[in-house]
Amino acid sequence: MQSLGDSAYTKLRKIAADRDITVQELIRAIVIPDWLKMDEKHNGGDSSSSERHRKRISRSRTRSQTLSIAAMPKPKKKQ
């Protein structure tokens, strides 16, 4: 998730209006694919580093154990 400042959003809204699309459509169809292409060129077309990162994260998620906790009623005090 990304947050935009007012000036960036205003620019995107104008570009989207010029193309007769919404800002969300502009981001999904134009901005993100262009950003991915630029990132790929910057990293020399090597997507293996991001692939290794995804694998490392997925492995760490499978290793983390979740504990099941049963809700037990409190014992009643004897009077």
C-alpha atoms as a PDB file:
ATOM      1  CA  MET A   1       0.000   0.000   0.000  1.00  0.00           C
ATOM      2  CA  GLN A   2       1.309   3.407  -0.865  1.00  0.00           C
ATOM      3  CA  SER A   3       0.278   6.815   0.372  1.00  0.00           C
ATOM      4  CA  LEU A   4       0.465   9.849  -1.900  1.00  0.00           C
ATOM      5  CA  GLY A   5       0.969  13.482  -1.047  1.00  0.00           C
ATOM      6  CA  ASP A   6      -1.491  16.076  -2.302  1.00  0.00           C
ATOM      7  CA  SER A   7       0.738  17.316  -5.116  1.00  0.00           C
ATOM      8  CA  ALA A   8       1.478  13.789  -6.402  1.00  0.00           C
ATOM      9  CA  TYR A   9      -2.215  12.875  -6.302  1.00  0.00           C
ATOM     10  CA  THR A  10      -3.131  16.091  -8.141  1.00  0.00           C
ATOM     11  CA  LYS A  11      -0.633  15.270 -10.898  1.00  0.00           C
ATOM     12  CA  LEU A  12      -1.905  11.705 -11.191  1.00  0.00           C
ATOM     13  CA  ARG A  13      -5.509  12.899 -11.244  1.00  0.00           C
ATOM     14  CA  LYS A  14      -4.718  15.291 -14.129  1.00  0.00           C
ATOM     15  CA  ILE A  15      -2.900  12.591 -16.104  1.00  0.00           C
ATOM     16  CA  ALA A  16      -5.781  10.167 -15.509  1.00  0.00           C
ATOM     17  CA  ALA A  17      -8.352  12.774 -16.565  1.00  0.00           C
ATOM     18  CA  ASP A  18      -6.372  13.451 -19.775  1.00  0.00           C
ATOM     19  CA  ARG A  19      -6.551   9.715 -20.543  1.00  0.00           C
ATOM     20  CA  ASP A  20     -10.213   9.517 -19.485  1.00  0.00           C
ATOM     21  CA  ILE A  21      -9.522   6.900 -16.804  1.00  0.00           C
ATOM     22  CA  THR A  22      -9.546   6.857 -13.002  1.00  0.00           C
ATOM     23  CA  VAL A  23      -6.450   7.384 -10.861  1.00  0.00           C
ATOM     24  CA  GLN A  24      -6.682   3.769  -9.702  1.00  0.00           C
ATOM     25  CA  GLU A  25      -6.753   2.527 -13.313  1.00  0.00           C
ATOM     26  CA  LEU A  26      -3.779   4.753 -14.130  1.00  0.00           C
ATOM     27  CA  ILE A  27      -1.784   3.356 -11.226  1.00  0.00           C
ATOM     28  CA  ARG A  28      -2.641  -0.264 -12.052  1.00  0.00           C
ATOM     29  CA  ALA A  29      -2.296  -0.081 -15.835  1.00  0.00           C
ATOM     30  CA  ILE A  30       0.491   2.467 -16.327  1.00  0.00           C
ATOM     31  CA  VAL A  31       2.426   3.422 -13.192  1.00  0.00           C
ATOM     32  CA  ILE A  32       3.057  -0.016 -11.677  1.00  0.00           C
ATOM     33  CA  PRO A  33       4.078  -1.760 -14.929  1.00  0.00           C
ATOM     34  CA  ASP A  34       6.408   1.143 -15.800  1.00  0.00           C
ATOM     35  CA  TRP A  35       7.878   1.080 -12.303  1.00  0.00           C
ATOM     36  CA  LEU A  36       8.492  -2.676 -12.592  1.00  0.00           C
ATOM     37  CA  LYS A  37      10.196  -2.216 -15.975  1.00  0.00           C
ATOM     38  CA  MET A  38      12.428   0.543 -14.589  1.00  0.00           C
ATOM     39  CA  ASP A  39      13.268  -1.577 -11.545  1.00  0.00           C
ATOM     40  CA  GLU A  40      14.151  -4.525 -13.778  1.00  0.00           C
ATOM     41  CA  LYS A  41      16.475  -2.356 -15.868  1.00  0.00           C
ATOM     42  CA  HIS A  42      18.048  -0.898 -12.734  1.00  0.00           C
ATOM     43  CA  ASN A  43      18.750  -4.381 -11.367  1.00  0.00           C
ATOM     44  CA  GLY A  44      20.133  -5.570 -14.687  1.00  0.00           C
ATOM     45  CA  GLY A  45      17.137  -7.754 -15.434  1.00  0.00           C
ATOM     46  CA  ASP A  46      17.980  -9.953 -12.458  1.00  0.00           C
ATOM     47  CA  SER A  47      14.701 -10.822 -10.799  1.00  0.00           C
ATOM     48  CA  SER A  48      16.333 -13.636  -8.856  1.00  0.00           C
ATOM     49  CA  SER A  49      17.060 -11.395  -5.871  1.00  0.00           C
ATOM     50  CA  SER A  50      13.361 -10.643  -5.399  1.00  0.00           C
ATOM     51  CA  GLU A  51      12.596 -14.320  -6.021  1.00  0.00           C
ATOM     52  CA  ARG A  52      15.073 -15.312  -3.290  1.00  0.00           C
ATOM     53  CA  HIS A  53      13.480 -12.774  -0.965  1.00  0.00           C
ATOM     54  CA  ARG A  54       9.980 -14.198  -1.593  1.00  0.00           C
ATOM     55  CA  LYS A  55      11.232 -17.741  -0.960  1.00  0.00           C
ATOM     56  CA  ARG A  56      12.982 -16.692   2.235  1.00  0.00           C
ATOM     57  CA  ILE A  57       9.840 -15.001   3.532  1.00  0.00           C
ATOM     58  CA  SER A  58       7.611 -17.953   2.678  1.00  0.00           C
ATOM     59  CA  ARG A  59      10.034 -20.355   4.413  1.00  0.00           C
ATOM     60  CA  SER A  60      10.101 -18.229   7.552  1.00  0.00           C
ATOM     61  CA  ARG A  61       6.300 -18.183   7.635  1.00  0.00           C
ATOM     62  CA  THR A  62       6.118 -21.964   7.502  1.00  0.00           C
ATOM     63  CA  ARG A  63       8.658 -22.285  10.319  1.00  0.00           C
ATOM     64  CA  SER A  64       6.784 -20.023  12.702  1.00  0.00           C
ATOM     65  CA  GLN A  65       4.463 -22.043  14.860  1.00  0.00           C
ATOM     66  CA  THR A  66       1.117 -20.914  16.075  1.00  0.00           C
ATOM     67  CA  LEU A  67      -0.075 -21.895  19.492  1.00  0.00           C
ATOM     68  CA  SER A  68      -3.619 -22.993  20.070  1.00  0.00           C
ATOM     69  CA  ILE A  69      -5.039 -21.541  23.226  1.00  0.00           C
ATOM     70  CA  ALA A  70      -8.232 -22.940  24.665  1.00  0.00           C
ATOM     71  CA  ALA A  71     -10.494 -20.595  26.574  1.00  0.00           C
ATOM     72  CA  MET A  72     -11.010 -22.103  29.990  1.00  0.00           C
ATOM     73  CA  PRO A  73     -13.630 -20.787  32.389  1.00  0.00           C
ATOM     74  CA  LYS A  74     -12.290 -19.457  35.663  1.00  0.00           C
ATOM     75  CA  PRO A  75     -12.838 -21.834  38.555  1.00  0.00           C
ATOM     76  CA  LYS A  76     -15.509 -20.727  40.973  1.00  0.00           C
ATOM     77  CA  LYS A  77     -14.362 -19.692  44.405  1.00  0.00           C
ATOM     78  CA  LYS A  78     -15.527 -21.963  47.220  1.00  0.00           C
ATOM     79  CA  GLN A  79     -17.367 -20.140  49.925  1.00  0.00           C
END
